[in-house]
Amino acid sequence: MNPFLGKRYNSYNEYFKRTFGSRVQKVSIDAGFTCPNRDGTTGTGGCTYCNNDAFNPSYCHPSKPVLQQIEEGIEFHKIRYRRASEYLAYFQSYSNTWAPLSELKQLYDQALSHPGIRGLVIGTRPDCIDDEKISYFSKLSAKFYVIIEYGIESTSDKTLQLINRGHTYQQSVEAIKKTAAAGIKTGAHLILGLPGESEEQMIAGARMVARLPLTTIKFHQLQIVRNTAMADQYLADPGAFRLFTLDEYIDLIVRITELMNPAFVIERFTGEVPPRYLLSKPWSALRADQVMTLIENELERRNTWQGRLFSGD
């Protein structure tokens, strides 16, 4: 029996209503971080698919102080999300724990000093966290809403090496388990359709991720973004890439949703990139909310729901 009221999955909007009692919107911040696979620590060039300009809002720029980005972000969101009165500071670009703790504290303290900010959403990598930082976030989460979101991207080390992530899946597992054990909300991000991965591998990977101690999860279909190493690879050999049709993706994401731990909050089923950045546009004319409606309709048509086939063993 479907355990969710009104939906067939544990939706992000309902989670926020339960947590805050009203609509809370994320305000993106670019604090000028880099990544260990960009600065030479584990590699150079960054992830092959990554172009931060493709998802950074116009108000985000590391030259602006954190509080200025928050103020401009709130004004930006007031037009689109008029019901939001409180916000979370979303440190989104690159790896937002890749600095000494003293520097991180200054940035996070600035964000939390804003009267409209209820907490932090921190996007990072599993190799950019340590016990000292986890201890800090654990203490901070006793006062504010704090969630650390890790880019897993794939459970295959071969794939992670191919896309130049510079870390292993086991590092993701260890970072997630340590973070959750410290009482910190923990999120994860997966890309579906990375080069060389079959649907069977993606389904197997989803089963593995479903057993992790996560609070939230994001899914993202592979998109070929201009001005990336992957775009060059795609132009050289398009046949090496599996770009889902809309129907294929809906089928896959419904099957994966059935496998997810029902306690996970599904933040999103798809990624959305402005069409001008996309080299491949199989169904980019549809907005993410339109695709979500199609996925919800398919869950309804199949009379299935998140966690129907979940096994914690």
C-alpha atoms as a PDB file:
ATOM      1  CA  MET A   1       0.000   0.000   0.000  1.00  0.00           C
ATOM      2  CA  ASN A   2       1.250   3.485  -0.894  1.00  0.00           C
ATOM      3  CA  PRO A   3       2.457   5.062   2.407  1.00  0.00           C
ATOM      4  CA  PHE A   4       2.586   8.648   1.088  1.00  0.00           C
ATOM      5  CA  LEU A   5      -0.287  11.067   1.339  1.00  0.00           C
ATOM      6  CA  GLY A   6      -1.073  12.859  -1.906  1.00  0.00           C
ATOM      7  CA  LYS A   7       2.066  11.601  -3.689  1.00  0.00           C
ATOM      8  CA  ARG A   8       3.666   8.292  -4.512  1.00  0.00           C
ATOM      9  CA  TYR A   9       7.089   9.335  -3.273  1.00  0.00           C
ATOM     10  CA  ASN A  10       8.592  11.243  -0.360  1.00  0.00           C
ATOM     11  CA  SER A  11       8.560  14.700  -1.918  1.00  0.00           C
ATOM     12  CA  TYR A  12      10.901  17.568  -1.136  1.00  0.00           C
ATOM     13  CA  ASN A  13       8.124  20.155  -0.892  1.00  0.00           C
ATOM     14  CA  GLU A  14       6.230  18.098   1.675  1.00  0.00           C
ATOM     15  CA  TYR A  15       9.456  17.506   3.598  1.00  0.00           C
ATOM     16  CA  PHE A  16      10.050  21.264   3.830  1.00  0.00           C
ATOM     17  CA  LYS A  17       6.492  21.837   5.005  1.00  0.00           C
ATOM     18  CA  ARG A  18       6.972  19.231   7.725  1.00  0.00           C
ATOM     19  CA  THR A  19      10.352  20.637   8.712  1.00  0.00           C
ATOM     20  CA  PHE A  20       9.678  24.379   8.613  1.00  0.00           C
ATOM     21  CA  GLY A  21       5.900  24.680   8.577  1.00  0.00           C
ATOM     22  CA  SER A  22       6.002  26.869   5.463  1.00  0.00           C
ATOM     23  CA  ARG A  23       7.745  27.280   2.132  1.00  0.00           C
ATOM     24  CA  VAL A  24      11.511  27.765   2.409  1.00  0.00           C
ATOM     25  CA  GLN A  25      13.577  28.521  -0.678  1.00  0.00           C
ATOM     26  CA  LYS A  26      17.254  27.844  -1.339  1.00  0.00           C
ATOM     27  CA  VAL A  27      19.430  30.818  -2.300  1.00  0.00           C
ATOM     28  CA  SER A  28      22.519  29.785  -4.252  1.00  0.00           C
ATOM     29  CA  ILE A  29      25.947  31.139  -3.318  1.00  0.00           C
ATOM     30  CA  ASP A  30      29.225  30.936  -5.228  1.00  0.00           C
ATOM     31  CA  ALA A  31      31.880  31.370  -2.544  1.00  0.00           C
ATOM     32  CA  GLY A  32      34.857  30.947  -4.880  1.00  0.00           C
ATOM     33  CA  PHE A  33      35.795  27.361  -4.000  1.00  0.00           C
ATOM     34  CA  THR A  34      37.602  24.954  -6.282  1.00  0.00           C
ATOM     35  CA  CYS A  35      37.871  21.140  -6.255  1.00  0.00           C
ATOM     36  CA  PRO A  36      40.717  18.700  -5.568  1.00  0.00           C
ATOM     37  CA  ASN A  37      40.405  17.378  -9.119  1.00  0.00           C
ATOM     38  CA  ARG A  38      40.904  20.908 -10.431  1.00  0.00           C
ATOM     39  CA  ASP A  39      43.679  22.312  -8.273  1.00  0.00           C
ATOM     40  CA  GLY A  40      46.079  19.394  -8.752  1.00  0.00           C
ATOM     41  CA  THR A  41      45.495  17.674  -5.409  1.00  0.00           C
ATOM     42  CA  THR A  42      43.999  14.592  -7.064  1.00  0.00           C
ATOM     43  CA  GLY A  43      43.924  15.807 -10.646  1.00  0.00           C
ATOM     44  CA  THR A  44      43.269  18.701 -13.001  1.00  0.00           C
ATOM     45  CA  GLY A  45      40.516  19.682 -15.377  1.00  0.00           C
ATOM     46  CA  GLY A  46      37.619  18.853 -13.068  1.00  0.00           C
ATOM     47  CA  CYS A  47      34.767  16.464 -13.815  1.00  0.00           C
ATOM     48  CA  THR A  48      34.384  15.913 -17.549  1.00  0.00           C
ATOM     49  CA  TYR A  49      30.695  16.928 -17.528  1.00  0.00           C
ATOM     50  CA  CYS A  50      31.019  20.044 -15.373  1.00  0.00           C
ATOM     51  CA  ASN A  51      30.350  23.626 -16.422  1.00  0.00           C
ATOM     52  CA  ASN A  52      29.204  25.587 -13.381  1.00  0.00           C
ATOM     53  CA  ASP A  53      27.981  28.475 -15.535  1.00  0.00           C
ATOM     54  CA  ALA A  54      25.214  26.159 -16.748  1.00  0.00           C
ATOM     55  CA  PHE A  55      23.483  26.074 -13.349  1.00  0.00           C
ATOM     56  CA  ASN A  56      24.718  29.172 -11.500  1.00  0.00           C
ATOM     57  CA  PRO A  57      21.984  31.837 -11.216  1.00  0.00           C
ATOM     58  CA  SER A  58      22.859  35.248 -12.625  1.00  0.00           C
ATOM     59  CA  TYR A  59      23.251  36.809  -9.174  1.00  0.00           C
ATOM     60  CA  CYS A  60      25.953  34.297  -8.149  1.00  0.00           C
ATOM     61  CA  HIS A  61      29.544  35.426  -8.520  1.00  0.00           C
ATOM     62  CA  PRO A  62      32.493  34.844  -6.177  1.00  0.00           C
ATOM     63  CA  SER A  63      33.505  38.497  -6.497  1.00  0.00           C
ATOM     64  CA  LYS A  64      30.397  39.439  -4.511  1.00  0.00           C
ATOM     65  CA  PRO A  65      30.331  39.055  -0.718  1.00  0.00           C
ATOM     66  CA  VAL A  66      28.156  36.253   0.616  1.00  0.00           C
ATOM     67  CA  LEU A  67      25.586  38.647   2.099  1.00  0.00           C
ATOM     68  CA  GLN A  68      25.259  40.519  -1.205  1.00  0.00           C
ATOM     69  CA  GLN A  69      24.589  37.260  -3.062  1.00  0.00           C
ATOM     70  CA  ILE A  70      21.958  36.359  -0.471  1.00  0.00           C
ATOM     71  CA  GLU A  71      20.221  39.738  -0.770  1.00  0.00           C
ATOM     72  CA  GLU A  72      20.211  39.591  -4.566  1.00  0.00           C
ATOM     73  CA  GLY A  73      19.098  35.960  -4.467  1.00  0.00           C
ATOM     74  CA  ILE A  74      16.157  36.765  -2.210  1.00  0.00           C
ATOM     75  CA  GLU A  75      15.064  39.545  -4.558  1.00  0.00           C
ATOM     76  CA  PHE A  76      15.427  37.155  -7.502  1.00  0.00           C
ATOM     77  CA  HIS A  77      13.295  34.491  -5.834  1.00  0.00           C
ATOM     78  CA  LYS A  78      10.614  36.903  -4.628  1.00  0.00           C
ATOM     79  CA  ILE A  79       9.481  37.207  -8.238  1.00  0.00           C
ATOM     80  CA  ARG A  80       9.176  33.451  -8.848  1.00  0.00           C
ATOM     81  CA  TYR A  81       8.441  32.115  -5.352  1.00  0.00           C
ATOM     82  CA  ARG A  82       6.258  34.712  -3.717  1.00  0.00           C
ATOM     83  CA  ARG A  83       5.175  32.431  -0.884  1.00  0.00           C
ATOM     84  CA  ALA A  84       8.735  31.968   0.424  1.00  0.00           C
ATOM     85  CA  SER A  85       9.576  34.162   3.399  1.00  0.00           C
ATOM     86  CA  GLU A  86      12.586  32.263   4.743  1.00  0.00           C
ATOM     87  CA  TYR A  87      15.610  30.848   3.002  1.00  0.00           C
ATOM     88  CA  LEU A  88      18.470  28.374   3.134  1.00  0.00           C
ATOM     89  CA  ALA A  89      21.940  29.465   2.009  1.00  0.00           C
ATOM     90  CA  TYR A  90      22.922  26.977  -0.701  1.00  0.00           C
ATOM     91  CA  PHE A  91      26.689  26.792  -1.155  1.00  0.00           C
ATOM     92  CA  GLN A  92      26.451  25.156  -4.554  1.00  0.00           C
ATOM     93  CA  SER A  93      29.387  25.791  -6.888  1.00  0.00           C
ATOM     94  CA  TYR A  94      32.322  23.394  -6.812  1.00  0.00           C
ATOM     95  CA  SER A  95      33.346  21.767  -3.485  1.00  0.00           C
ATOM     96  CA  ASN A  96      32.164  23.882  -0.572  1.00  0.00           C
ATOM     97  CA  THR A  97      34.172  22.219   2.168  1.00  0.00           C
ATOM     98  CA  TRP A  98      37.473  22.336   0.255  1.00  0.00           C
ATOM     99  CA  ALA A  99      39.220  24.893   2.476  1.00  0.00           C
ATOM    100  CA  PRO A 100      40.606  25.105   6.015  1.00  0.00           C
ATOM    101  CA  LEU A 101      37.889  25.062   8.654  1.00  0.00           C
ATOM    102  CA  SER A 102      38.754  28.619   9.748  1.00  0.00           C
ATOM    103  CA  GLU A 103      37.885  29.908   6.259  1.00  0.00           C
ATOM    104  CA  LEU A 104      34.713  27.853   6.097  1.00  0.00           C
ATOM    105  CA  LYS A 105      33.505  29.220   9.424  1.00  0.00           C
ATOM    106  CA  GLN A 106      33.857  32.801   8.197  1.00  0.00           C
ATOM    107  CA  LEU A 107      31.767  32.110   5.095  1.00  0.00           C
ATOM    108  CA  TYR A 108      29.076  30.107   6.873  1.00  0.00           C
ATOM    109  CA  ASP A 109      28.865  32.621   9.737  1.00  0.00           C
ATOM    110  CA  GLN A 110      28.271  35.398   7.211  1.00  0.00           C
ATOM    111  CA  ALA A 111      25.396  33.477   5.646  1.00  0.00           C
ATOM    112  CA  LEU A 112      23.819  32.575   8.991  1.00  0.00           C
ATOM    113  CA  SER A 113      24.007  36.193  10.177  1.00  0.00           C
ATOM    114  CA  HIS A 114      21.360  37.156   7.624  1.00  0.00           C
ATOM    115  CA  PRO A 115      17.950  37.385   9.377  1.00  0.00           C
ATOM    116  CA  GLY A 116      16.160  35.540   6.572  1.00  0.00           C
ATOM    117  CA  ILE A 117      18.468  32.509   6.535  1.00  0.00           C
ATOM    118  CA  ARG A 118      17.308  29.412   8.437  1.00  0.00           C
ATOM    119  CA  GLY A 119      20.284  27.175   7.664  1.00  0.00           C
ATOM    120  CA  LEU A 120      22.837  25.838   5.204  1.00  0.00           C
ATOM    121  CA  VAL A 121      22.836  23.461   2.251  1.00  0.00           C
ATOM    122  CA  ILE A 122      26.438  22.564   1.442  1.00  0.00           C
ATOM    123  CA  GLY A 123      27.361  20.811  -1.780  1.00  0.00           C
ATOM    124  CA  THR A 124      30.682  18.987  -1.700  1.00  0.00           C
ATOM    125  CA  ARG A 125      32.646  15.821  -2.497  1.00  0.00           C
ATOM    126  CA  PRO A 126      33.372  12.838  -0.250  1.00  0.00           C
ATOM    127  CA  ASP A 127      37.118  13.543  -0.328  1.00  0.00           C
ATOM    128  CA  CYS A 128      36.646  17.104   0.957  1.00  0.00           C
ATOM    129  CA  ILE A 129      35.467  16.286   4.472  1.00  0.00           C
ATOM    130  CA  ASP A 130      37.304  15.255   7.632  1.00  0.00           C
ATOM    131  CA  ASP A 131      36.591  14.595  11.297  1.00  0.00           C
ATOM    132  CA  GLU A 132      37.263  18.205  12.318  1.00  0.00           C
ATOM    133  CA  LYS A 133      34.759  19.556   9.807  1.00  0.00           C
ATOM    134  CA  ILE A 134      32.186  16.916  10.664  1.00  0.00           C
ATOM    135  CA  SER A 135      32.471  17.872  14.338  1.00  0.00           C
ATOM    136  CA  TYR A 136      31.907  21.527  13.438  1.00  0.00           C
ATOM    137  CA  PHE A 137      28.855  20.771  11.302  1.00  0.00           C
ATOM    138  CA  SER A 138      27.455  18.509  13.990  1.00  0.00           C
ATOM    139  CA  LYS A 139      27.557  21.350  16.530  1.00  0.00           C
ATOM    140  CA  LEU A 140      26.169  23.815  14.000  1.00  0.00           C
ATOM    141  CA  SER A 141      23.258  21.516  13.146  1.00  0.00           C
ATOM    142  CA  ALA A 142      22.102  21.673  16.763  1.00  0.00           C
ATOM    143  CA  LYS A 143      21.259  25.360  16.164  1.00  0.00           C
ATOM    144  CA  PHE A 144      20.441  25.538  12.458  1.00  0.00           C
ATOM    145  CA  TYR A 145      19.176  23.381   9.632  1.00  0.00           C
ATOM    146  CA  VAL A 146      22.341  21.935   8.047  1.00  0.00           C
ATOM    147  CA  ILE A 147      22.623  19.359   5.287  1.00  0.00           C
ATOM    148  CA  ILE A 148      25.781  18.170   3.546  1.00  0.00           C
ATOM    149  CA  GLU A 149      25.135  17.013  -0.035  1.00  0.00           C
ATOM    150  CA  TYR A 150      27.711  14.651  -1.535  1.00  0.00           C
ATOM    151  CA  GLY A 151      28.219  14.084  -5.232  1.00  0.00           C
ATOM    152  CA  ILE A 152      28.317  10.305  -5.555  1.00  0.00           C
ATOM    153  CA  GLU A 153      27.499  10.463  -9.294  1.00  0.00           C
ATOM    154  CA  SER A 154      28.121   6.719  -9.799  1.00  0.00           C
ATOM    155  CA  THR A 155      28.732   3.572  -7.759  1.00  0.00           C
ATOM    156  CA  SER A 156      31.233   2.319 -10.388  1.00  0.00           C
ATOM    157  CA  ASP A 157      34.889   3.170  -9.782  1.00  0.00           C
ATOM    158  CA  LYS A 158      35.535   2.614 -13.494  1.00  0.00           C
ATOM    159  CA  THR A 159      32.963   5.281 -14.346  1.00  0.00           C
ATOM    160  CA  LEU A 160      34.260   7.649 -11.667  1.00  0.00           C
ATOM    161  CA  GLN A 161      37.726   7.364 -13.143  1.00  0.00           C
ATOM    162  CA  LEU A 162      36.375   7.872 -16.666  1.00  0.00           C
ATOM    163  CA  ILE A 163      34.636  11.142 -15.720  1.00  0.00           C
ATOM    164  CA  ASN A 164      37.675  12.343 -13.741  1.00  0.00           C
ATOM    165  CA  ARG A 165      35.987  12.475 -10.339  1.00  0.00           C
ATOM    166  CA  GLY A 166      39.190  11.658  -8.502  1.00  0.00           C
ATOM    167  CA  HIS A 167      37.528   9.642  -5.732  1.00  0.00           C
ATOM    168  CA  THR A 168      36.061   6.162  -5.310  1.00  0.00           C
ATOM    169  CA  TYR A 169      32.559   4.994  -4.435  1.00  0.00           C
ATOM    170  CA  GLN A 170      33.895   3.640  -1.137  1.00  0.00           C
ATOM    171  CA  GLN A 171      34.987   7.162  -0.204  1.00  0.00           C
ATOM    172  CA  SER A 172      31.398   8.284  -0.784  1.00  0.00           C
ATOM    173  CA  VAL A 173      30.088   5.506   1.460  1.00  0.00           C
ATOM    174  CA  GLU A 174      32.530   6.367   4.245  1.00  0.00           C
ATOM    175  CA  ALA A 175      31.832  10.115   4.101  1.00  0.00           C
ATOM    176  CA  ILE A 176      28.059   9.606   4.109  1.00  0.00           C
ATOM    177  CA  LYS A 177      28.158   7.161   7.010  1.00  0.00           C
ATOM    178  CA  LYS A 178      30.430   9.419   9.096  1.00  0.00           C
ATOM    179  CA  THR A 179      28.298  12.489   8.416  1.00  0.00           C
ATOM    180  CA  ALA A 180      25.010  10.764   9.237  1.00  0.00           C
ATOM    181  CA  ALA A 181      26.481   9.148  12.362  1.00  0.00           C
ATOM    182  CA  ALA A 182      27.335  12.635  13.635  1.00  0.00           C
ATOM    183  CA  GLY A 183      23.664  13.602  13.460  1.00  0.00           C
ATOM    184  CA  ILE A 184      24.026  15.761  10.345  1.00  0.00           C
ATOM    185  CA  LYS A 185      21.437  15.592   7.583  1.00  0.00           C
ATOM    186  CA  THR A 186      23.062  14.001   4.556  1.00  0.00           C
ATOM    187  CA  GLY A 187      22.201  14.166   0.867  1.00  0.00           C
ATOM    188  CA  ALA A 188      23.513  12.498  -2.281  1.00  0.00           C
ATOM    189  CA  HIS A 189      23.505  13.126  -6.020  1.00  0.00           C
ATOM    190  CA  LEU A 190      23.484  10.511  -8.789  1.00  0.00           C
ATOM    191  CA  ILE A 191      23.839  10.954 -12.556  1.00  0.00           C
ATOM    192  CA  LEU A 192      21.979   8.426 -14.699  1.00  0.00           C
ATOM    193  CA  GLY A 193      23.344   7.588 -18.139  1.00  0.00           C
ATOM    194  CA  LEU A 194      27.077   8.120 -17.678  1.00  0.00           C
ATOM    195  CA  PRO A 195      29.214   6.659 -20.500  1.00  0.00           C
ATOM    196  CA  GLY A 196      29.616   2.891 -20.414  1.00  0.00           C
ATOM    197  CA  GLU A 197      26.925   2.196 -17.827  1.00  0.00           C
ATOM    198  CA  SER A 198      24.056  -0.119 -18.737  1.00  0.00           C
ATOM    199  CA  GLU A 199      20.584   0.155 -17.242  1.00  0.00           C
ATOM    200  CA  GLU A 200      21.333  -3.002 -15.254  1.00  0.00           C
ATOM    201  CA  GLN A 201      24.384  -1.281 -13.714  1.00  0.00           C
ATOM    202  CA  MET A 202      22.352   1.803 -12.864  1.00  0.00           C
ATOM    203  CA  ILE A 203      19.657  -0.303 -11.221  1.00  0.00           C
ATOM    204  CA  ALA A 204      22.298  -2.234  -9.251  1.00  0.00           C
ATOM    205  CA  GLY A 205      23.885   1.057  -8.197  1.00  0.00           C
ATOM    206  CA  ALA A 206      20.514   2.380  -7.061  1.00  0.00           C
ATOM    207  CA  ARG A 207      20.066  -0.691  -4.837  1.00  0.00           C
ATOM    208  CA  MET A 208      23.448   0.063  -3.226  1.00  0.00           C
ATOM    209  CA  VAL A 209      22.690   3.750  -2.640  1.00  0.00           C
ATOM    210  CA  ALA A 210      19.269   2.885  -1.204  1.00  0.00           C
ATOM    211  CA  ARG A 211      21.010   1.236   1.765  1.00  0.00           C
ATOM    212  CA  LEU A 212      23.008   4.337   2.728  1.00  0.00           C
ATOM    213  CA  PRO A 213      21.932   6.546   5.679  1.00  0.00           C
ATOM    214  CA  LEU A 214      20.681   9.443   3.549  1.00  0.00           C
ATOM    215  CA  THR A 215      18.184  12.188   4.272  1.00  0.00           C
ATOM    216  CA  THR A 216      17.742  13.369   0.671  1.00  0.00           C
ATOM    217  CA  ILE A 217      18.654  12.204  -2.809  1.00  0.00           C
ATOM    218  CA  LYS A 218      18.844  13.920  -6.203  1.00  0.00           C
ATOM    219  CA  PHE A 219      18.749  12.241  -9.599  1.00  0.00           C
ATOM    220  CA  HIS A 220      20.025  13.854 -12.778  1.00  0.00           C
ATOM    221  CA  GLN A 221      19.855  12.545 -16.328  1.00  0.00           C
ATOM    222  CA  LEU A 222      23.119  12.890 -18.252  1.00  0.00           C
ATOM    223  CA  GLN A 223      23.165  16.045 -20.347  1.00  0.00           C
ATOM    224  CA  ILE A 224      25.995  17.058 -22.656  1.00  0.00           C
ATOM    225  CA  VAL A 225      26.884  20.605 -21.663  1.00  0.00           C
ATOM    226  CA  ARG A 226      28.885  22.879 -23.920  1.00  0.00           C
ATOM    227  CA  ASN A 227      32.456  23.867 -23.009  1.00  0.00           C
ATOM    228  CA  THR A 228      33.204  20.647 -21.157  1.00  0.00           C
ATOM    229  CA  ALA A 229      35.589  17.768 -21.783  1.00  0.00           C
ATOM    230  CA  MET A 230      32.562  15.497 -22.170  1.00  0.00           C
ATOM    231  CA  ALA A 231      31.197  17.716 -24.946  1.00  0.00           C
ATOM    232  CA  ASP A 232      34.453  17.189 -26.845  1.00  0.00           C
ATOM    233  CA  GLN A 233      34.223  13.435 -26.253  1.00  0.00           C
ATOM    234  CA  TYR A 234      30.619  13.411 -27.444  1.00  0.00           C
ATOM    235  CA  LEU A 235      31.439  15.266 -30.657  1.00  0.00           C
ATOM    236  CA  ALA A 236      34.277  12.823 -31.326  1.00  0.00           C
ATOM    237  CA  ASP A 237      32.153   9.705 -30.683  1.00  0.00           C
ATOM    238  CA  PRO A 238      28.411  10.259 -30.140  1.00  0.00           C
ATOM    239  CA  GLY A 239      27.777   6.521 -30.213  1.00  0.00           C
ATOM    240  CA  ALA A 240      29.648   6.062 -26.933  1.00  0.00           C
ATOM    241  CA  PHE A 241      26.894   7.928 -25.064  1.00  0.00           C
ATOM    242  CA  ARG A 242      23.467   6.753 -23.975  1.00  0.00           C
ATOM    243  CA  LEU A 243      21.159   9.758 -23.973  1.00  0.00           C
ATOM    244  CA  PHE A 244      17.705   8.698 -22.833  1.00  0.00           C
ATOM    245  CA  THR A 245      14.548   9.532 -24.657  1.00  0.00           C
ATOM    246  CA  LEU A 246      11.907  10.935 -22.353  1.00  0.00           C
ATOM    247  CA  ASP A 247       9.970   7.661 -22.257  1.00  0.00           C
ATOM    248  CA  GLU A 248      13.139   5.651 -21.553  1.00  0.00           C
ATOM    249  CA  TYR A 249      14.113   7.932 -18.703  1.00  0.00           C
ATOM    250  CA  ILE A 250      10.656   7.900 -17.126  1.00  0.00           C
ATOM    251  CA  ASP A 251      10.688   4.097 -17.205  1.00  0.00           C
ATOM    252  CA  LEU A 252      14.144   3.953 -15.582  1.00  0.00           C
ATOM    253  CA  ILE A 253      13.460   6.531 -12.884  1.00  0.00           C
ATOM    254  CA  VAL A 254      10.179   4.833 -11.907  1.00  0.00           C
ATOM    255  CA  ARG A 255      12.006   1.512 -11.525  1.00  0.00           C
ATOM    256  CA  ILE A 256      14.711   3.210  -9.434  1.00  0.00           C
ATOM    257  CA  THR A 257      12.118   5.006  -7.293  1.00  0.00           C
ATOM    258  CA  GLU A 258      10.572   1.652  -6.433  1.00  0.00           C
ATOM    259  CA  LEU A 259      13.964   0.554  -5.056  1.00  0.00           C
ATOM    260  CA  MET A 260      14.635   3.625  -2.932  1.00  0.00           C
ATOM    261  CA  ASN A 261      14.410   3.614   0.841  1.00  0.00           C
ATOM    262  CA  PRO A 262      10.972   5.175   1.516  1.00  0.00           C
ATOM    263  CA  ALA A 263      12.581   7.342   4.216  1.00  0.00           C
ATOM    264  CA  PHE A 264      14.688   9.162   1.597  1.00  0.00           C
ATOM    265  CA  VAL A 265      13.348  12.530   0.512  1.00  0.00           C
ATOM    266  CA  ILE A 266      13.577  12.706  -3.289  1.00  0.00           C
ATOM    267  CA  GLU A 267      14.631  16.268  -3.993  1.00  0.00           C
ATOM    268  CA  ARG A 268      14.510  15.947  -7.744  1.00  0.00           C
ATOM    269  CA  PHE A 269      14.142  13.357 -10.491  1.00  0.00           C
ATOM    270  CA  THR A 270      15.870  15.324 -13.261  1.00  0.00           C
ATOM    271  CA  GLY A 271      18.364  18.087 -13.826  1.00  0.00           C
ATOM    272  CA  GLU A 272      17.579  21.235 -15.768  1.00  0.00           C
ATOM    273  CA  VAL A 273      20.120  23.193 -17.801  1.00  0.00           C
ATOM    274  CA  PRO A 274      19.319  26.302 -19.892  1.00  0.00           C
ATOM    275  CA  PRO A 275      18.991  25.083 -23.506  1.00  0.00           C
ATOM    276  CA  ARG A 276      21.717  27.450 -24.724  1.00  0.00           C
ATOM    277  CA  TYR A 277      24.271  25.411 -22.758  1.00  0.00           C
ATOM    278  CA  LEU A 278      23.166  22.041 -24.113  1.00  0.00           C
ATOM    279  CA  LEU A 279      24.897  20.280 -26.964  1.00  0.00           C
ATOM    280  CA  SER A 280      22.300  17.496 -26.887  1.00  0.00           C
ATOM    281  CA  LYS A 281      18.641  18.442 -26.471  1.00  0.00           C
ATOM    282  CA  PRO A 282      16.538  15.266 -26.499  1.00  0.00           C
ATOM    283  CA  TRP A 283      13.763  16.749 -24.341  1.00  0.00           C
ATOM    284  CA  SER A 284      15.123  20.062 -23.050  1.00  0.00           C
ATOM    285  CA  ALA A 285      11.970  21.916 -24.112  1.00  0.00           C
ATOM    286  CA  LEU A 286      10.246  20.483 -21.042  1.00  0.00           C
ATOM    287  CA  ARG A 287      10.797  22.108 -17.657  1.00  0.00           C
ATOM    288  CA  ALA A 288      11.771  19.930 -14.677  1.00  0.00           C
ATOM    289  CA  ASP A 289       8.326  20.341 -13.107  1.00  0.00           C
ATOM    290  CA  GLN A 290       6.672  19.137 -16.328  1.00  0.00           C
ATOM    291  CA  VAL A 291       8.856  16.028 -16.376  1.00  0.00           C
ATOM    292  CA  MET A 292       8.082  15.469 -12.686  1.00  0.00           C
ATOM    293  CA  THR A 293       4.366  15.496 -13.498  1.00  0.00           C
ATOM    294  CA  LEU A 294       4.913  12.853 -16.183  1.00  0.00           C
ATOM    295  CA  ILE A 295       6.856  10.710 -13.693  1.00  0.00           C
ATOM    296  CA  GLU A 296       4.108  11.105 -11.086  1.00  0.00           C
ATOM    297  CA  ASN A 297       1.527  10.103 -13.696  1.00  0.00           C
ATOM    298  CA  GLU A 298       3.521   6.983 -14.553  1.00  0.00           C
ATOM    299  CA  LEU A 299       3.823   6.002 -10.886  1.00  0.00           C
ATOM    300  CA  GLU A 300       0.052   6.347 -10.693  1.00  0.00           C
ATOM    301  CA  ARG A 301      -0.528   4.384 -13.909  1.00  0.00           C
ATOM    302  CA  ARG A 302       1.628   1.502 -12.652  1.00  0.00           C
ATOM    303  CA  ASN A 303       0.102   1.714  -9.177  1.00  0.00           C
ATOM    304  CA  THR A 304       3.570   1.776  -7.659  1.00  0.00           C
ATOM    305  CA  TRP A 305       5.473   4.015  -5.238  1.00  0.00           C
ATOM    306  CA  GLN A 306       8.834   4.828  -3.684  1.00  0.00           C
ATOM    307  CA  GLY A 307      10.176   1.890  -1.716  1.00  0.00           C
ATOM    308  CA  ARG A 308       7.721  -0.697  -3.008  1.00  0.00           C
ATOM    309  CA  LEU A 309      10.657  -2.981  -3.868  1.00  0.00           C
ATOM    310  CA  PHE A 310      13.112  -1.646  -1.279  1.00  0.00           C
ATOM    311  CA  SER A 311      15.168  -4.155   0.637  1.00  0.00           C
ATOM    312  CA  GLY A 312      17.456  -2.992   3.413  1.00  0.00           C
ATOM    313  CA  ASP A 313      19.315  -6.316   3.534  1.00  0.00           C
END
